Structures are given as C-alpha cells and as structure tokens.
N, C-alpha and C. Protein backbone atom coordinates (compact mmCIF):
# COMPACT_ATOMS: atom_id res chain seq x y z
N MET A 1 0.85 -1.19 0.00
CA MET A 1 0.00 0.00 0.00
C MET A 1 0.89 1.24 0.00
N MET A 2 0.51 2.25 -0.73
CA MET A 2 1.33 3.46 -0.87
C MET A 2 1.03 4.53 0.17
N TRP A 3 -0.04 4.36 0.92
CA TRP A 3 -0.44 5.40 1.87
C TRP A 3 0.44 5.38 3.12
N HIS A 4 0.92 6.54 3.52
CA HIS A 4 1.65 6.65 4.79
C HIS A 4 0.64 6.74 5.93
N THR A 5 -0.42 7.53 5.70
CA THR A 5 -1.50 7.69 6.67
C THR A 5 -2.67 6.84 6.19
N THR A 6 -3.18 5.97 7.03
CA THR A 6 -4.30 5.12 6.64
C THR A 6 -5.50 5.98 6.29
N PRO A 7 -5.98 5.90 5.05
CA PRO A 7 -7.12 6.73 4.64
C PRO A 7 -8.39 6.38 5.40
N ASN A 8 -9.08 7.40 5.86
CA ASN A 8 -10.36 7.23 6.55
C ASN A 8 -11.34 8.20 5.91
N LEU A 9 -12.30 7.66 5.17
CA LEU A 9 -13.23 8.50 4.42
C LEU A 9 -14.02 9.43 5.33
N ASP A 10 -14.46 8.94 6.48
CA ASP A 10 -15.22 9.80 7.39
C ASP A 10 -14.39 10.99 7.85
N GLU A 11 -13.13 10.75 8.20
CA GLU A 11 -12.25 11.85 8.63
C GLU A 11 -11.98 12.83 7.49
N MET A 12 -11.74 12.31 6.28
CA MET A 12 -11.49 13.19 5.14
C MET A 12 -12.70 14.07 4.86
N ASN A 13 -13.89 13.48 4.91
CA ASN A 13 -15.10 14.25 4.67
C ASN A 13 -15.36 15.26 5.78
N ALA A 14 -15.05 14.90 7.02
CA ALA A 14 -15.24 15.84 8.14
C ALA A 14 -14.31 17.04 8.00
N ARG A 15 -13.09 16.84 7.50
CA ARG A 15 -12.14 17.95 7.31
C ARG A 15 -12.59 18.92 6.22
N SER A 16 -13.56 18.53 5.42
CA SER A 16 -14.05 19.40 4.35
C SER A 16 -14.93 20.53 4.86
N LYS A 17 -15.37 20.42 6.08
CA LYS A 17 -16.26 21.45 6.67
C LYS A 17 -15.60 22.82 6.60
N GLY A 18 -16.36 23.80 6.10
CA GLY A 18 -15.86 25.17 6.02
C GLY A 18 -14.88 25.42 4.89
N THR A 19 -14.86 24.53 3.90
CA THR A 19 -13.95 24.69 2.75
C THR A 19 -14.75 24.69 1.45
N ILE A 20 -14.05 24.87 0.34
CA ILE A 20 -14.70 24.82 -0.97
C ILE A 20 -15.30 23.44 -1.23
N LEU A 21 -14.74 22.42 -0.59
CA LEU A 21 -15.31 21.08 -0.75
C LEU A 21 -16.72 21.02 -0.18
N GLU A 22 -16.95 21.67 0.95
CA GLU A 22 -18.30 21.71 1.51
C GLU A 22 -19.23 22.51 0.60
N LEU A 23 -18.75 23.65 0.09
CA LEU A 23 -19.58 24.49 -0.78
C LEU A 23 -20.04 23.76 -2.04
N THR A 24 -19.17 22.93 -2.59
CA THR A 24 -19.48 22.22 -3.83
C THR A 24 -19.94 20.78 -3.57
N ASP A 25 -20.09 20.40 -2.31
CA ASP A 25 -20.55 19.06 -1.91
C ASP A 25 -19.65 17.95 -2.47
N ILE A 26 -18.34 18.19 -2.44
CA ILE A 26 -17.39 17.14 -2.82
C ILE A 26 -17.29 16.17 -1.65
N ARG A 27 -17.46 14.88 -1.96
CA ARG A 27 -17.40 13.84 -0.93
C ARG A 27 -16.41 12.76 -1.34
N PHE A 28 -15.50 12.44 -0.43
CA PHE A 28 -14.60 11.31 -0.67
C PHE A 28 -15.44 10.05 -0.53
N SER A 29 -15.33 9.16 -1.53
CA SER A 29 -16.29 8.06 -1.61
C SER A 29 -15.67 6.67 -1.60
N GLU A 30 -14.42 6.55 -1.99
CA GLU A 30 -13.81 5.22 -2.08
C GLU A 30 -12.30 5.37 -2.03
N VAL A 31 -11.66 4.40 -1.40
CA VAL A 31 -10.20 4.37 -1.36
C VAL A 31 -9.75 2.94 -1.58
N GLY A 32 -8.68 2.80 -2.35
CA GLY A 32 -8.09 1.48 -2.58
C GLY A 32 -6.61 1.54 -2.28
N ASP A 33 -5.91 0.46 -2.57
CA ASP A 33 -4.47 0.42 -2.31
C ASP A 33 -3.71 1.47 -3.10
N ASP A 34 -4.20 1.85 -4.29
CA ASP A 34 -3.46 2.79 -5.13
C ASP A 34 -4.33 3.88 -5.75
N TYR A 35 -5.51 4.13 -5.19
CA TYR A 35 -6.38 5.16 -5.75
C TYR A 35 -7.27 5.76 -4.67
N LEU A 36 -7.79 6.96 -4.98
CA LEU A 36 -8.76 7.64 -4.12
C LEU A 36 -9.83 8.22 -5.02
N CYS A 37 -11.10 8.12 -4.60
CA CYS A 37 -12.22 8.66 -5.38
C CYS A 37 -12.99 9.69 -4.57
N ALA A 38 -13.56 10.65 -5.28
CA ALA A 38 -14.46 11.62 -4.69
C ALA A 38 -15.53 11.95 -5.72
N THR A 39 -16.70 12.36 -5.22
CA THR A 39 -17.80 12.71 -6.11
C THR A 39 -18.20 14.17 -5.89
N MET A 40 -18.89 14.73 -6.89
CA MET A 40 -19.38 16.10 -6.83
C MET A 40 -20.66 16.19 -7.64
N PRO A 41 -21.65 16.94 -7.16
CA PRO A 41 -22.90 17.07 -7.91
C PRO A 41 -22.74 17.97 -9.13
N VAL A 42 -23.57 17.72 -10.10
CA VAL A 42 -23.70 18.61 -11.25
C VAL A 42 -25.03 19.31 -11.05
N ASP A 43 -24.98 20.51 -10.46
CA ASP A 43 -26.19 21.26 -10.14
C ASP A 43 -25.85 22.74 -10.03
N GLU A 44 -26.74 23.52 -9.43
CA GLU A 44 -26.56 24.98 -9.37
C GLU A 44 -25.25 25.39 -8.68
N ARG A 45 -24.68 24.53 -7.86
CA ARG A 45 -23.40 24.85 -7.20
C ARG A 45 -22.21 24.73 -8.14
N THR A 46 -22.38 23.93 -9.20
CA THR A 46 -21.24 23.63 -10.08
C THR A 46 -21.51 23.94 -11.55
N PHE A 47 -22.69 24.49 -11.85
CA PHE A 47 -23.03 24.85 -13.23
C PHE A 47 -22.29 26.10 -13.68
N GLN A 48 -22.07 26.19 -14.99
CA GLN A 48 -21.74 27.46 -15.64
C GLN A 48 -23.05 28.00 -16.22
N PRO A 49 -23.08 29.21 -16.78
CA PRO A 49 -24.35 29.82 -17.18
C PRO A 49 -25.20 29.01 -18.17
N PHE A 50 -24.60 28.11 -18.94
CA PHE A 50 -25.39 27.29 -19.86
C PHE A 50 -25.93 26.02 -19.20
N ARG A 51 -25.82 25.95 -17.87
CA ARG A 51 -26.30 24.83 -17.07
C ARG A 51 -25.57 23.53 -17.40
N LEU A 52 -24.30 23.67 -17.70
CA LEU A 52 -23.39 22.55 -17.87
C LEU A 52 -22.39 22.59 -16.72
N LEU A 53 -21.76 21.46 -16.43
CA LEU A 53 -20.73 21.43 -15.41
C LEU A 53 -19.63 22.42 -15.77
N HIS A 54 -19.32 23.32 -14.87
CA HIS A 54 -18.29 24.33 -15.07
C HIS A 54 -16.92 23.66 -15.08
N GLY A 55 -16.09 24.00 -16.04
CA GLY A 55 -14.74 23.43 -16.11
C GLY A 55 -13.94 23.71 -14.85
N GLY A 56 -14.14 24.89 -14.27
CA GLY A 56 -13.44 25.22 -13.04
C GLY A 56 -13.86 24.33 -11.88
N ALA A 57 -15.12 23.93 -11.86
CA ALA A 57 -15.58 23.00 -10.82
C ALA A 57 -14.90 21.65 -10.98
N SER A 58 -14.73 21.21 -12.23
CA SER A 58 -13.99 19.96 -12.47
C SER A 58 -12.57 20.06 -11.95
N VAL A 59 -11.95 21.22 -12.14
CA VAL A 59 -10.58 21.41 -11.67
C VAL A 59 -10.54 21.41 -10.14
N VAL A 60 -11.54 22.02 -9.51
CA VAL A 60 -11.61 21.98 -8.04
C VAL A 60 -11.70 20.53 -7.56
N LEU A 61 -12.54 19.74 -8.20
CA LEU A 61 -12.67 18.33 -7.83
C LEU A 61 -11.35 17.60 -8.05
N ALA A 62 -10.73 17.81 -9.20
CA ALA A 62 -9.47 17.13 -9.51
C ALA A 62 -8.38 17.49 -8.50
N GLU A 63 -8.22 18.78 -8.22
CA GLU A 63 -7.17 19.17 -7.28
C GLU A 63 -7.48 18.70 -5.87
N SER A 64 -8.75 18.67 -5.51
CA SER A 64 -9.12 18.22 -4.17
C SER A 64 -8.77 16.75 -3.95
N VAL A 65 -9.13 15.91 -4.89
CA VAL A 65 -8.87 14.48 -4.72
C VAL A 65 -7.38 14.19 -4.88
N GLY A 66 -6.72 14.86 -5.82
CA GLY A 66 -5.29 14.63 -6.03
C GLY A 66 -4.44 15.12 -4.87
N SER A 67 -4.74 16.29 -4.35
CA SER A 67 -3.93 16.82 -3.25
C SER A 67 -4.17 16.06 -1.96
N THR A 68 -5.39 15.58 -1.76
CA THR A 68 -5.65 14.76 -0.58
C THR A 68 -4.86 13.45 -0.66
N ALA A 69 -4.88 12.82 -1.82
CA ALA A 69 -4.11 11.59 -2.00
C ALA A 69 -2.62 11.84 -1.80
N ALA A 70 -2.12 12.95 -2.34
CA ALA A 70 -0.70 13.27 -2.20
C ALA A 70 -0.31 13.38 -0.73
N ASN A 71 -1.13 14.04 0.05
CA ASN A 71 -0.81 14.22 1.46
C ASN A 71 -0.94 12.93 2.25
N LEU A 72 -1.78 12.00 1.81
CA LEU A 72 -1.88 10.71 2.47
C LEU A 72 -0.62 9.87 2.28
N CYS A 73 0.21 10.24 1.31
CA CYS A 73 1.46 9.51 1.05
C CYS A 73 2.63 10.04 1.87
N LEU A 74 2.41 11.10 2.64
CA LEU A 74 3.48 11.76 3.38
C LEU A 74 3.28 11.60 4.88
N ASP A 75 4.39 11.71 5.61
CA ASP A 75 4.32 11.77 7.06
C ASP A 75 3.91 13.18 7.43
N PRO A 76 2.69 13.37 7.96
CA PRO A 76 2.22 14.73 8.22
C PRO A 76 3.01 15.46 9.31
N LYS A 77 3.82 14.73 10.05
CA LYS A 77 4.66 15.37 11.07
C LYS A 77 5.87 16.06 10.46
N THR A 78 6.25 15.64 9.24
CA THR A 78 7.47 16.18 8.64
C THR A 78 7.25 16.89 7.31
N HIS A 79 6.23 16.51 6.55
CA HIS A 79 6.03 17.06 5.21
C HIS A 79 4.56 17.28 4.89
N TYR A 80 4.32 18.14 3.92
CA TYR A 80 2.99 18.32 3.35
C TYR A 80 3.17 18.63 1.87
N ALA A 81 2.10 18.44 1.11
CA ALA A 81 2.15 18.66 -0.34
C ALA A 81 1.19 19.78 -0.72
N VAL A 82 1.63 20.62 -1.65
CA VAL A 82 0.80 21.72 -2.15
C VAL A 82 0.81 21.69 -3.67
N GLY A 83 -0.28 22.17 -4.26
CA GLY A 83 -0.38 22.17 -5.71
C GLY A 83 0.65 23.07 -6.36
N LEU A 84 1.29 22.54 -7.40
CA LEU A 84 2.29 23.28 -8.16
C LEU A 84 1.78 23.59 -9.57
N ASP A 85 1.08 22.63 -10.16
CA ASP A 85 0.55 22.81 -11.51
C ASP A 85 -0.61 21.84 -11.71
N ILE A 86 -1.63 22.30 -12.43
CA ILE A 86 -2.73 21.42 -12.79
C ILE A 86 -3.17 21.75 -14.21
N ASN A 87 -3.51 20.71 -14.95
CA ASN A 87 -4.13 20.94 -16.26
C ASN A 87 -5.36 20.06 -16.35
N ALA A 88 -6.26 20.44 -17.22
CA ALA A 88 -7.49 19.68 -17.38
C ALA A 88 -7.96 19.76 -18.83
N ASN A 89 -8.35 18.63 -19.36
CA ASN A 89 -8.98 18.56 -20.67
C ASN A 89 -10.43 18.17 -20.45
N HIS A 90 -11.32 19.05 -20.86
CA HIS A 90 -12.76 18.84 -20.70
C HIS A 90 -13.26 18.13 -21.96
N VAL A 91 -13.64 16.87 -21.80
CA VAL A 91 -13.91 15.98 -22.92
C VAL A 91 -15.40 15.92 -23.27
N ARG A 92 -16.26 15.96 -22.25
CA ARG A 92 -17.69 15.79 -22.47
C ARG A 92 -18.43 16.66 -21.47
N ALA A 93 -19.56 17.21 -21.88
CA ALA A 93 -20.38 18.00 -20.97
C ALA A 93 -21.16 17.08 -20.03
N ALA A 94 -21.36 17.56 -18.82
CA ALA A 94 -22.25 16.88 -17.87
C ALA A 94 -23.33 17.88 -17.48
N THR A 95 -24.58 17.42 -17.37
CA THR A 95 -25.69 18.33 -17.10
C THR A 95 -26.48 17.98 -15.84
N SER A 96 -26.25 16.81 -15.27
CA SER A 96 -26.99 16.41 -14.07
C SER A 96 -26.25 15.25 -13.40
N GLY A 97 -26.78 14.86 -12.24
CA GLY A 97 -26.22 13.72 -11.51
C GLY A 97 -24.99 14.10 -10.71
N ARG A 98 -24.10 13.15 -10.55
CA ARG A 98 -22.83 13.38 -9.86
C ARG A 98 -21.72 12.91 -10.78
N VAL A 99 -20.58 13.58 -10.70
CA VAL A 99 -19.39 13.12 -11.38
C VAL A 99 -18.46 12.51 -10.34
N THR A 100 -17.66 11.55 -10.77
CA THR A 100 -16.73 10.85 -9.88
C THR A 100 -15.31 11.02 -10.40
N ALA A 101 -14.44 11.46 -9.51
CA ALA A 101 -13.02 11.61 -9.83
C ALA A 101 -12.24 10.47 -9.18
N THR A 102 -11.36 9.86 -9.96
CA THR A 102 -10.47 8.83 -9.44
C THR A 102 -9.05 9.27 -9.71
N THR A 103 -8.22 9.29 -8.67
CA THR A 103 -6.83 9.69 -8.84
C THR A 103 -5.90 8.53 -8.53
N ARG A 104 -4.83 8.46 -9.32
CA ARG A 104 -3.76 7.48 -9.12
C ARG A 104 -2.43 8.18 -9.32
N ALA A 105 -1.45 7.74 -8.57
CA ALA A 105 -0.12 8.34 -8.66
C ALA A 105 0.55 7.95 -9.98
N VAL A 106 1.18 8.93 -10.59
CA VAL A 106 2.05 8.71 -11.75
C VAL A 106 3.49 8.68 -11.25
N HIS A 107 3.79 9.54 -10.27
CA HIS A 107 5.15 9.66 -9.72
C HIS A 107 5.05 10.14 -8.28
N ILE A 108 5.71 9.44 -7.38
CA ILE A 108 5.81 9.89 -5.99
C ILE A 108 7.29 10.01 -5.68
N GLY A 109 7.77 11.25 -5.67
CA GLY A 109 9.18 11.49 -5.44
C GLY A 109 9.43 12.21 -4.13
N ARG A 110 10.69 12.51 -3.89
CA ARG A 110 11.09 13.17 -2.66
C ARG A 110 10.63 14.62 -2.60
N THR A 111 10.61 15.30 -3.77
CA THR A 111 10.25 16.72 -3.79
C THR A 111 9.01 17.04 -4.62
N THR A 112 8.59 16.11 -5.46
CA THR A 112 7.37 16.31 -6.25
C THR A 112 6.58 15.01 -6.34
N GLN A 113 5.31 15.19 -6.62
CA GLN A 113 4.43 14.07 -6.93
C GLN A 113 3.60 14.48 -8.15
N VAL A 114 3.25 13.50 -8.98
CA VAL A 114 2.38 13.73 -10.12
C VAL A 114 1.22 12.75 -10.02
N TRP A 115 0.00 13.30 -10.17
CA TRP A 115 -1.22 12.50 -10.04
C TRP A 115 -2.07 12.64 -11.29
N ALA A 116 -2.61 11.53 -11.78
CA ALA A 116 -3.57 11.52 -12.89
C ALA A 116 -4.96 11.41 -12.29
N ILE A 117 -5.87 12.24 -12.78
CA ILE A 117 -7.24 12.25 -12.28
C ILE A 117 -8.19 12.09 -13.47
N ASP A 118 -9.06 11.10 -13.40
CA ASP A 118 -10.09 10.89 -14.41
C ASP A 118 -11.44 11.18 -13.77
N ILE A 119 -12.23 12.02 -14.43
CA ILE A 119 -13.57 12.36 -13.95
C ILE A 119 -14.58 11.80 -14.94
N VAL A 120 -15.53 11.02 -14.41
CA VAL A 120 -16.55 10.40 -15.25
C VAL A 120 -17.94 10.78 -14.75
N ASP A 121 -18.94 10.68 -15.65
CA ASP A 121 -20.32 10.95 -15.27
C ASP A 121 -20.97 9.68 -14.72
N ASP A 122 -22.26 9.76 -14.42
CA ASP A 122 -22.98 8.62 -13.84
C ASP A 122 -23.02 7.40 -14.77
N GLN A 123 -22.82 7.63 -16.07
CA GLN A 123 -22.82 6.52 -17.04
C GLN A 123 -21.40 6.00 -17.29
N GLY A 124 -20.41 6.53 -16.56
CA GLY A 124 -19.03 6.08 -16.72
C GLY A 124 -18.31 6.71 -17.89
N ARG A 125 -18.91 7.74 -18.51
CA ARG A 125 -18.29 8.40 -19.65
C ARG A 125 -17.32 9.48 -19.16
N THR A 126 -16.19 9.56 -19.81
CA THR A 126 -15.17 10.53 -19.42
C THR A 126 -15.68 11.95 -19.63
N VAL A 127 -15.61 12.75 -18.58
CA VAL A 127 -15.98 14.16 -18.61
C VAL A 127 -14.72 15.03 -18.68
N CYS A 128 -13.69 14.64 -17.91
CA CYS A 128 -12.47 15.45 -17.81
C CYS A 128 -11.30 14.54 -17.45
N VAL A 129 -10.16 14.82 -18.02
CA VAL A 129 -8.91 14.18 -17.61
C VAL A 129 -7.97 15.29 -17.15
N SER A 130 -7.31 15.04 -16.04
CA SER A 130 -6.49 16.08 -15.44
C SER A 130 -5.18 15.47 -14.94
N ARG A 131 -4.17 16.33 -14.84
CA ARG A 131 -2.88 15.92 -14.27
C ARG A 131 -2.48 17.00 -13.28
N LEU A 132 -2.10 16.57 -12.09
CA LEU A 132 -1.77 17.48 -10.99
C LEU A 132 -0.34 17.22 -10.53
N THR A 133 0.46 18.26 -10.47
CA THR A 133 1.81 18.17 -9.92
C THR A 133 1.81 18.84 -8.57
N MET A 134 2.32 18.12 -7.59
CA MET A 134 2.38 18.61 -6.22
C MET A 134 3.82 18.81 -5.80
N ALA A 135 4.07 19.89 -5.07
CA ALA A 135 5.38 20.13 -4.45
C ALA A 135 5.34 19.54 -3.04
N VAL A 136 6.36 18.80 -2.68
CA VAL A 136 6.47 18.25 -1.34
C VAL A 136 7.34 19.20 -0.52
N VAL A 137 6.78 19.69 0.60
CA VAL A 137 7.42 20.72 1.41
C VAL A 137 7.66 20.17 2.81
N ALA A 138 8.85 20.41 3.33
CA ALA A 138 9.17 20.02 4.71
C ALA A 138 8.67 21.10 5.66
N HIS A 139 8.11 20.65 6.78
CA HIS A 139 7.72 21.61 7.82
C HIS A 139 8.99 22.28 8.34
N ARG A 140 8.87 23.57 8.65
CA ARG A 140 10.04 24.30 9.20
C ARG A 140 10.01 24.28 10.69
C-alpha cells in the first residue's frame, strides 16, 4: 500500500467542513491500495451559465482528490504537499447527476508528486482528464 497515513473517508469528509469542498458538496467516496475517489454534484453549485458542469468546478474536484491523495502519502509530522501545476482537458459536458473523480499516482518522489485524475459521469463516460503536480514541502 502506498499510503503513509491510513485513509479514513469519514475523517477526510469531516475535514471538508468550512472549505470549498463543503460548498461544492465534494465527498470522498472510495479508497483502494493505489487510488482515491471523490464525487461532486452537477447542479446549481457547479453549473456554468449554460447549465453545464463548469470546467473550473472539475478542476476543483481534480485538485481536491489529487492533493488529498498526495498528502496521504506523506508523514504529516514532517512534510505536506501543495499544488504546483494542474491541467485539465474537458472531454464531455455533464448536465446532471454526480461526477466521480479517481486519482492514481504517476510519480511519488522526494520533492514532487504527479497525479492523474479521471472524472466520469454517472454513465461512466469521461468528462475530464487532469494531471496534478504537487510540491512536497518540509515543515520548518
């Protein structure tokens, strides 16, 4: 298993209180040996003016699940990870339901991590593919 800190979905969701994750109803939903999933609604909280899923909301979901996974790979007493770069390709529009993001590590290094995030709709169709680079920072 790649996790330094044992993932606990209830704790991760509780930490979302008072953050953008709470505002957009992002919920961590599944964890495996090498992946983490979170879901987000496609509704008035995440729509753009044409009532489609806002690309920025997809990026919020991608960075949320990727950065949480990155930090689970570190000893929180000595290091933390912060976003350095993110890109997203919006492949298909979503208009309702929930989208699910699944992240897996591409690279876990001493100073950087790279995470691939796939976001799919309720029918399993790709909505967005994203790549997140995280900087690993030592506590001072």
